[in-house]
């Protein structure tokens, strides 16, 4: 039997006071075809990573982030590119890295609030048109579910409590309330089975 090995992997505290371990992906992709660069960029953004500079992305160290970046690094190599994944702590400038990470999450929360406002406007149009059908209700439910899932993904990436989360949650709660009111109206207006 092998002895147990203790590992210590810390991430910065939510208030930004602690030093933590970050994963840093440094990569290079051939310039052509450009779709390869776009694919990698989308995947890095979907993970919630921030760019420290061109082709250098960072994420707080978690087992899930490590798995995802290891997979992406392998894919980059498979694209005839190069990639190195490092585990690192910031010796100087951690507030800059943390600030970039927080700004990225705040931007995502703000975008969710904007999309919630769009959702509410769409439901309001249905009221204005007096359009209360099961088909519209289903479409609105799909849109609402997308917003819920998106917020959950952003919250999962938000390791340090970025500003904007409360506003996004409140906007989504308002969407849920309006959707329930719209659903009640559809049930009252449209006969069952149509």
C-alpha atoms as a PDB file:
ATOM      1  CA  UNK A   1       0.000   0.000   0.000  1.00  0.00           C
ATOM      2  CA  UNK A   2       1.273   3.439  -0.921  1.00  0.00           C
ATOM      3  CA  UNK A   3       1.443   6.074   1.808  1.00  0.00           C
ATOM      4  CA  UNK A   4      -1.094   8.863   1.650  1.00  0.00           C
ATOM      5  CA  UNK A   5       0.292  12.067   0.246  1.00  0.00           C
ATOM      6  CA  UNK A   6      -1.075  15.335   1.493  1.00  0.00           C
ATOM      7  CA  UNK A   7      -1.482  18.065  -1.061  1.00  0.00           C
ATOM      8  CA  UNK A   8      -2.279  21.659  -0.384  1.00  0.00           C
ATOM      9  CA  UNK A   9      -3.962  23.560  -3.179  1.00  0.00           C
ATOM     10  CA  UNK A  10      -5.379  26.836  -2.164  1.00  0.00           C
ATOM     11  CA  UNK A  11      -7.248  29.449  -4.070  1.00  0.00           C
ATOM     12  CA  UNK A  12      -7.485  33.110  -3.176  1.00  0.00           C
ATOM     13  CA  UNK A  13      -9.990  33.999  -0.514  1.00  0.00           C
ATOM     14  CA  UNK A  14     -13.259  35.586  -1.689  1.00  0.00           C
ATOM     15  CA  UNK A  15     -12.048  38.953  -0.363  1.00  0.00           C
ATOM     16  CA  UNK A  16      -8.896  38.608  -2.450  1.00  0.00           C
ATOM     17  CA  UNK A  17      -6.627  38.564   0.583  1.00  0.00           C
ATOM     18  CA  UNK A  18      -5.046  35.137   0.265  1.00  0.00           C
ATOM     19  CA  UNK A  19      -2.483  33.951  -2.199  1.00  0.00           C
ATOM     20  CA  UNK A  20      -3.675  31.072  -4.250  1.00  0.00           C
ATOM     21  CA  UNK A  21      -2.801  28.583  -6.864  1.00  0.00           C
ATOM     22  CA  UNK A  22      -3.680  29.353 -10.447  1.00  0.00           C
ATOM     23  CA  UNK A  23      -3.593  27.245 -13.568  1.00  0.00           C
ATOM     24  CA  UNK A  24      -1.907  28.979 -16.474  1.00  0.00           C
ATOM     25  CA  UNK A  25      -2.263  27.730 -20.036  1.00  0.00           C
ATOM     26  CA  UNK A  26       0.329  29.028 -22.478  1.00  0.00           C
ATOM     27  CA  UNK A  27      -0.340  28.014 -26.041  1.00  0.00           C
ATOM     28  CA  UNK A  28       0.358  28.682 -29.682  1.00  0.00           C
ATOM     29  CA  UNK A  29      -1.905  27.700 -32.550  1.00  0.00           C
ATOM     30  CA  UNK A  30      -1.119  27.831 -36.264  1.00  0.00           C
ATOM     31  CA  UNK A  31      -2.469  31.031 -37.823  1.00  0.00           C
ATOM     32  CA  UNK A  32      -4.430  29.070 -40.427  1.00  0.00           C
ATOM     33  CA  UNK A  33      -7.151  27.981 -40.404  1.00  0.00           C
ATOM     34  CA  UNK A  34      -8.464  30.778 -38.182  1.00  0.00           C
ATOM     35  CA  UNK A  35     -11.340  28.619 -36.926  1.00  0.00           C
ATOM     36  CA  UNK A  36      -8.830  26.793 -34.686  1.00  0.00           C
ATOM     37  CA  UNK A  37      -7.988  30.029 -32.856  1.00  0.00           C
ATOM     38  CA  UNK A  38     -11.666  30.859 -32.539  1.00  0.00           C
ATOM     39  CA  UNK A  39     -12.425  27.396 -31.158  1.00  0.00           C
ATOM     40  CA  UNK A  40      -9.749  27.671 -28.479  1.00  0.00           C
ATOM     41  CA  UNK A  41     -10.793  31.210 -27.584  1.00  0.00           C
ATOM     42  CA  UNK A  42     -14.436  30.119 -27.159  1.00  0.00           C
ATOM     43  CA  UNK A  43     -13.459  27.178 -24.970  1.00  0.00           C
ATOM     44  CA  UNK A  44     -11.236  29.313 -22.762  1.00  0.00           C
ATOM     45  CA  UNK A  45     -13.992  31.894 -22.373  1.00  0.00           C
ATOM     46  CA  UNK A  46     -16.554  29.166 -21.625  1.00  0.00           C
ATOM     47  CA  UNK A  47     -14.333  27.958 -18.780  1.00  0.00           C
ATOM     48  CA  UNK A  48     -14.248  31.471 -17.357  1.00  0.00           C
ATOM     49  CA  UNK A  49     -10.516  31.915 -17.784  1.00  0.00           C
ATOM     50  CA  UNK A  50      -8.967  35.345 -18.158  1.00  0.00           C
ATOM     51  CA  UNK A  51      -6.195  36.236 -20.550  1.00  0.00           C
ATOM     52  CA  UNK A  52      -3.059  37.551 -18.887  1.00  0.00           C
ATOM     53  CA  UNK A  53      -1.711  38.339 -22.354  1.00  0.00           C
ATOM     54  CA  UNK A  54      -2.045  36.875 -25.839  1.00  0.00           C
ATOM     55  CA  UNK A  55      -2.235  33.088 -25.667  1.00  0.00           C
ATOM     56  CA  UNK A  56      -1.757  33.023 -21.881  1.00  0.00           C
ATOM     57  CA  UNK A  57      -4.924  32.226 -19.922  1.00  0.00           C
ATOM     58  CA  UNK A  58      -5.401  31.730 -16.180  1.00  0.00           C
ATOM     59  CA  UNK A  59      -7.984  30.051 -13.983  1.00  0.00           C
ATOM     60  CA  UNK A  60      -8.100  29.432 -10.233  1.00  0.00           C
ATOM     61  CA  UNK A  61      -6.887  25.926  -9.510  1.00  0.00           C
ATOM     62  CA  UNK A  62      -9.691  23.436  -8.992  1.00  0.00           C
ATOM     63  CA  UNK A  63      -9.765  19.785 -10.009  1.00  0.00           C
ATOM     64  CA  UNK A  64     -12.467  20.522 -12.599  1.00  0.00           C
ATOM     65  CA  UNK A  65     -10.518  23.431 -14.075  1.00  0.00           C
ATOM     66  CA  UNK A  66      -7.386  21.318 -14.229  1.00  0.00           C
ATOM     67  CA  UNK A  67      -9.190  18.527 -16.088  1.00  0.00           C
ATOM     68  CA  UNK A  68     -10.704  20.992 -18.534  1.00  0.00           C
ATOM     69  CA  UNK A  69      -7.406  22.764 -19.235  1.00  0.00           C
ATOM     70  CA  UNK A  70      -5.525  19.468 -19.585  1.00  0.00           C
ATOM     71  CA  UNK A  71      -8.092  18.382 -22.160  1.00  0.00           C
ATOM     72  CA  UNK A  72      -7.843  21.707 -23.987  1.00  0.00           C
ATOM     73  CA  UNK A  73      -4.041  21.542 -23.961  1.00  0.00           C
ATOM     74  CA  UNK A  74      -4.210  18.099 -25.601  1.00  0.00           C
ATOM     75  CA  UNK A  75      -6.647  19.412 -28.206  1.00  0.00           C
ATOM     76  CA  UNK A  76      -4.322  22.325 -28.989  1.00  0.00           C
ATOM     77  CA  UNK A  77      -1.434  19.911 -29.538  1.00  0.00           C
ATOM     78  CA  UNK A  78      -3.763  17.892 -31.773  1.00  0.00           C
ATOM     79  CA  UNK A  79      -4.285  21.057 -33.848  1.00  0.00           C
ATOM     80  CA  UNK A  80      -0.537  21.094 -34.557  1.00  0.00           C
ATOM     81  CA  UNK A  81      -0.124  23.741 -31.887  1.00  0.00           C
ATOM     82  CA  UNK A  82       1.862  23.814 -28.688  1.00  0.00           C
ATOM     83  CA  UNK A  83       0.585  24.110 -25.177  1.00  0.00           C
ATOM     84  CA  UNK A  84       1.941  24.099 -21.656  1.00  0.00           C
ATOM     85  CA  UNK A  85      -0.206  23.957 -18.544  1.00  0.00           C
ATOM     86  CA  UNK A  86       1.369  25.358 -15.386  1.00  0.00           C
ATOM     87  CA  UNK A  87       0.328  25.449 -11.781  1.00  0.00           C
ATOM     88  CA  UNK A  88       1.439  28.777 -10.413  1.00  0.00           C
ATOM     89  CA  UNK A  89       1.116  31.261  -7.617  1.00  0.00           C
ATOM     90  CA  UNK A  90       1.295  34.976  -8.238  1.00  0.00           C
ATOM     91  CA  UNK A  91       4.334  36.522  -6.597  1.00  0.00           C
ATOM     92  CA  UNK A  92       3.476  40.061  -7.564  1.00  0.00           C
ATOM     93  CA  UNK A  93       0.370  41.530  -9.163  1.00  0.00           C
ATOM     94  CA  UNK A  94      -2.202  39.101  -7.830  1.00  0.00           C
ATOM     95  CA  UNK A  95      -4.732  41.910  -7.437  1.00  0.00           C
ATOM     96  CA  UNK A  96      -4.442  42.496 -11.203  1.00  0.00           C
ATOM     97  CA  UNK A  97      -5.158  38.844 -11.967  1.00  0.00           C
ATOM     98  CA  UNK A  98      -7.975  38.703  -9.440  1.00  0.00           C
ATOM     99  CA  UNK A  99      -9.338  42.009 -10.722  1.00  0.00           C
ATOM    100  CA  UNK A 100      -9.440  40.670 -14.275  1.00  0.00           C
ATOM    101  CA  UNK A 101     -11.191  37.535 -13.095  1.00  0.00           C
ATOM    102  CA  UNK A 102     -13.734  39.562 -11.077  1.00  0.00           C
ATOM    103  CA  UNK A 103     -14.356  41.949 -13.994  1.00  0.00           C
ATOM    104  CA  UNK A 104     -15.024  39.005 -16.321  1.00  0.00           C
ATOM    105  CA  UNK A 105     -17.626  37.570 -13.927  1.00  0.00           C
ATOM    106  CA  UNK A 106     -19.214  40.991 -13.356  1.00  0.00           C
ATOM    107  CA  UNK A 107     -19.507  41.424 -17.125  1.00  0.00           C
ATOM    108  CA  UNK A 108     -21.221  38.051 -17.362  1.00  0.00           C
ATOM    109  CA  UNK A 109     -23.656  38.961 -14.575  1.00  0.00           C
ATOM    110  CA  UNK A 110     -24.394  42.259 -16.322  1.00  0.00           C
ATOM    111  CA  UNK A 111     -25.064  40.447 -19.577  1.00  0.00           C
ATOM    112  CA  UNK A 112     -27.484  38.119 -17.781  1.00  0.00           C
ATOM    113  CA  UNK A 113     -29.343  41.135 -16.385  1.00  0.00           C
ATOM    114  CA  UNK A 114     -29.528  42.566 -19.914  1.00  0.00           C
ATOM    115  CA  UNK A 115     -30.874  39.270 -21.287  1.00  0.00           C
ATOM    116  CA  UNK A 116     -33.407  39.127 -18.460  1.00  0.00           C
ATOM    117  CA  UNK A 117     -34.606  42.582 -19.466  1.00  0.00           C
ATOM    118  CA  UNK A 118     -34.953  41.304 -23.030  1.00  0.00           C
ATOM    119  CA  UNK A 119     -36.925  38.299 -21.774  1.00  0.00           C
ATOM    120  CA  UNK A 120     -39.263  40.568 -19.816  1.00  0.00           C
ATOM    121  CA  UNK A 121     -39.744  42.799 -22.866  1.00  0.00           C
ATOM    122  CA  UNK A 122     -40.669  39.764 -24.979  1.00  0.00           C
ATOM    123  CA  UNK A 123     -43.273  38.630 -22.462  1.00  0.00           C
ATOM    124  CA  UNK A 124     -44.617  42.192 -22.299  1.00  0.00           C
ATOM    125  CA  UNK A 125     -45.057  42.101 -26.105  1.00  0.00           C
ATOM    126  CA  UNK A 126     -47.177  38.979 -25.723  1.00  0.00           C
ATOM    127  CA  UNK A 127     -49.395  40.844 -23.281  1.00  0.00           C
ATOM    128  CA  UNK A 128     -49.606  43.830 -25.638  1.00  0.00           C
ATOM    129  CA  UNK A 129     -50.655  41.538 -28.534  1.00  0.00           C
ATOM    130  CA  UNK A 130     -53.040  39.645 -26.246  1.00  0.00           C
ATOM    131  CA  UNK A 131     -51.174  36.518 -27.355  1.00  0.00           C
ATOM    132  CA  UNK A 132     -51.614  33.815 -24.729  1.00  0.00           C
ATOM    133  CA  UNK A 133     -50.888  30.397 -26.251  1.00  0.00           C
ATOM    134  CA  UNK A 134     -49.242  27.224 -25.077  1.00  0.00           C
ATOM    135  CA  UNK A 135     -46.719  27.524 -27.920  1.00  0.00           C
ATOM    136  CA  UNK A 136     -45.602  30.967 -26.701  1.00  0.00           C
ATOM    137  CA  UNK A 137     -45.514  29.727 -23.124  1.00  0.00           C
ATOM    138  CA  UNK A 138     -43.292  26.827 -24.143  1.00  0.00           C
ATOM    139  CA  UNK A 139     -40.958  29.175 -26.031  1.00  0.00           C
ATOM    140  CA  UNK A 140     -40.751  31.472 -23.015  1.00  0.00           C
ATOM    141  CA  UNK A 141     -40.065  28.530 -20.717  1.00  0.00           C
ATOM    142  CA  UNK A 142     -37.179  27.436 -22.972  1.00  0.00           C
ATOM    143  CA  UNK A 143     -35.737  30.961 -22.915  1.00  0.00           C
ATOM    144  CA  UNK A 144     -36.107  31.165 -19.135  1.00  0.00           C
ATOM    145  CA  UNK A 145     -34.404  27.779 -18.674  1.00  0.00           C
ATOM    146  CA  UNK A 146     -31.473  29.002 -20.767  1.00  0.00           C
ATOM    147  CA  UNK A 147     -31.141  32.029 -18.473  1.00  0.00           C
ATOM    148  CA  UNK A 148     -31.253  29.809 -15.375  1.00  0.00           C
ATOM    149  CA  UNK A 149     -28.587  27.485 -16.756  1.00  0.00           C
ATOM    150  CA  UNK A 150     -26.380  30.386 -17.800  1.00  0.00           C
ATOM    151  CA  UNK A 151     -26.561  31.969 -14.354  1.00  0.00           C
ATOM    152  CA  UNK A 152     -25.672  28.642 -12.744  1.00  0.00           C
ATOM    153  CA  UNK A 153     -22.607  28.323 -14.975  1.00  0.00           C
ATOM    154  CA  UNK A 154     -21.436  31.836 -14.136  1.00  0.00           C
ATOM    155  CA  UNK A 155     -22.017  31.289 -10.419  1.00  0.00           C
ATOM    156  CA  UNK A 156     -19.964  28.090 -10.590  1.00  0.00           C
ATOM    157  CA  UNK A 157     -17.091  30.057 -12.169  1.00  0.00           C
ATOM    158  CA  UNK A 158     -17.433  32.924  -9.692  1.00  0.00           C
ATOM    159  CA  UNK A 159     -14.934  31.704  -7.103  1.00  0.00           C
ATOM    160  CA  UNK A 160     -14.481  35.080  -5.411  1.00  0.00           C
ATOM    161  CA  UNK A 161     -17.922  36.680  -5.188  1.00  0.00           C
ATOM    162  CA  UNK A 162     -17.816  39.152  -8.066  1.00  0.00           C
ATOM    163  CA  UNK A 163     -20.091  42.178  -7.982  1.00  0.00           C
ATOM    164  CA  UNK A 164     -23.329  41.808  -9.892  1.00  0.00           C
ATOM    165  CA  UNK A 165     -24.430  38.392  -8.699  1.00  0.00           C
ATOM    166  CA  UNK A 166     -27.255  39.723  -6.523  1.00  0.00           C
ATOM    167  CA  UNK A 167     -28.589  41.853  -9.386  1.00  0.00           C
ATOM    168  CA  UNK A 168     -28.491  38.884 -11.769  1.00  0.00           C
ATOM    169  CA  UNK A 169     -30.290  36.658  -9.272  1.00  0.00           C
ATOM    170  CA  UNK A 170     -32.928  39.359  -8.674  1.00  0.00           C
ATOM    171  CA  UNK A 171     -33.433  39.841 -12.428  1.00  0.00           C
ATOM    172  CA  UNK A 172     -33.868  36.098 -12.905  1.00  0.00           C
ATOM    173  CA  UNK A 173     -36.325  35.936  -9.994  1.00  0.00           C
ATOM    174  CA  UNK A 174     -38.338  38.681 -11.711  1.00  0.00           C
ATOM    175  CA  UNK A 175     -38.310  36.635 -14.936  1.00  0.00           C
ATOM    176  CA  UNK A 176     -39.600  33.611 -13.043  1.00  0.00           C
ATOM    177  CA  UNK A 177     -42.400  35.655 -11.485  1.00  0.00           C
ATOM    178  CA  UNK A 178     -43.448  37.154 -14.831  1.00  0.00           C
ATOM    179  CA  UNK A 179     -43.310  33.734 -16.499  1.00  0.00           C
ATOM    180  CA  UNK A 180     -45.570  32.263 -13.800  1.00  0.00           C
ATOM    181  CA  UNK A 181     -48.032  35.129 -14.254  1.00  0.00           C
ATOM    182  CA  UNK A 182     -47.968  34.633 -18.031  1.00  0.00           C
ATOM    183  CA  UNK A 183     -48.488  30.888 -17.610  1.00  0.00           C
ATOM    184  CA  UNK A 184     -51.530  31.508 -15.391  1.00  0.00           C
ATOM    185  CA  UNK A 185     -52.958  33.793 -18.054  1.00  0.00           C
ATOM    186  CA  UNK A 186     -52.348  31.202 -20.786  1.00  0.00           C
ATOM    187  CA  UNK A 187     -54.100  28.537 -18.698  1.00  0.00           C
ATOM    188  CA  UNK A 188     -57.053  30.880 -18.197  1.00  0.00           C
ATOM    189  CA  UNK A 189     -57.264  32.001 -21.857  1.00  0.00           C
ATOM    190  CA  UNK A 190     -56.587  28.816 -23.822  1.00  0.00           C
ATOM    191  CA  UNK A 191     -58.677  25.693 -23.404  1.00  0.00           C
ATOM    192  CA  UNK A 192     -56.942  22.494 -22.343  1.00  0.00           C
ATOM    193  CA  UNK A 193     -55.545  20.325 -25.097  1.00  0.00           C
ATOM    194  CA  UNK A 194     -55.134  23.052 -27.741  1.00  0.00           C
END
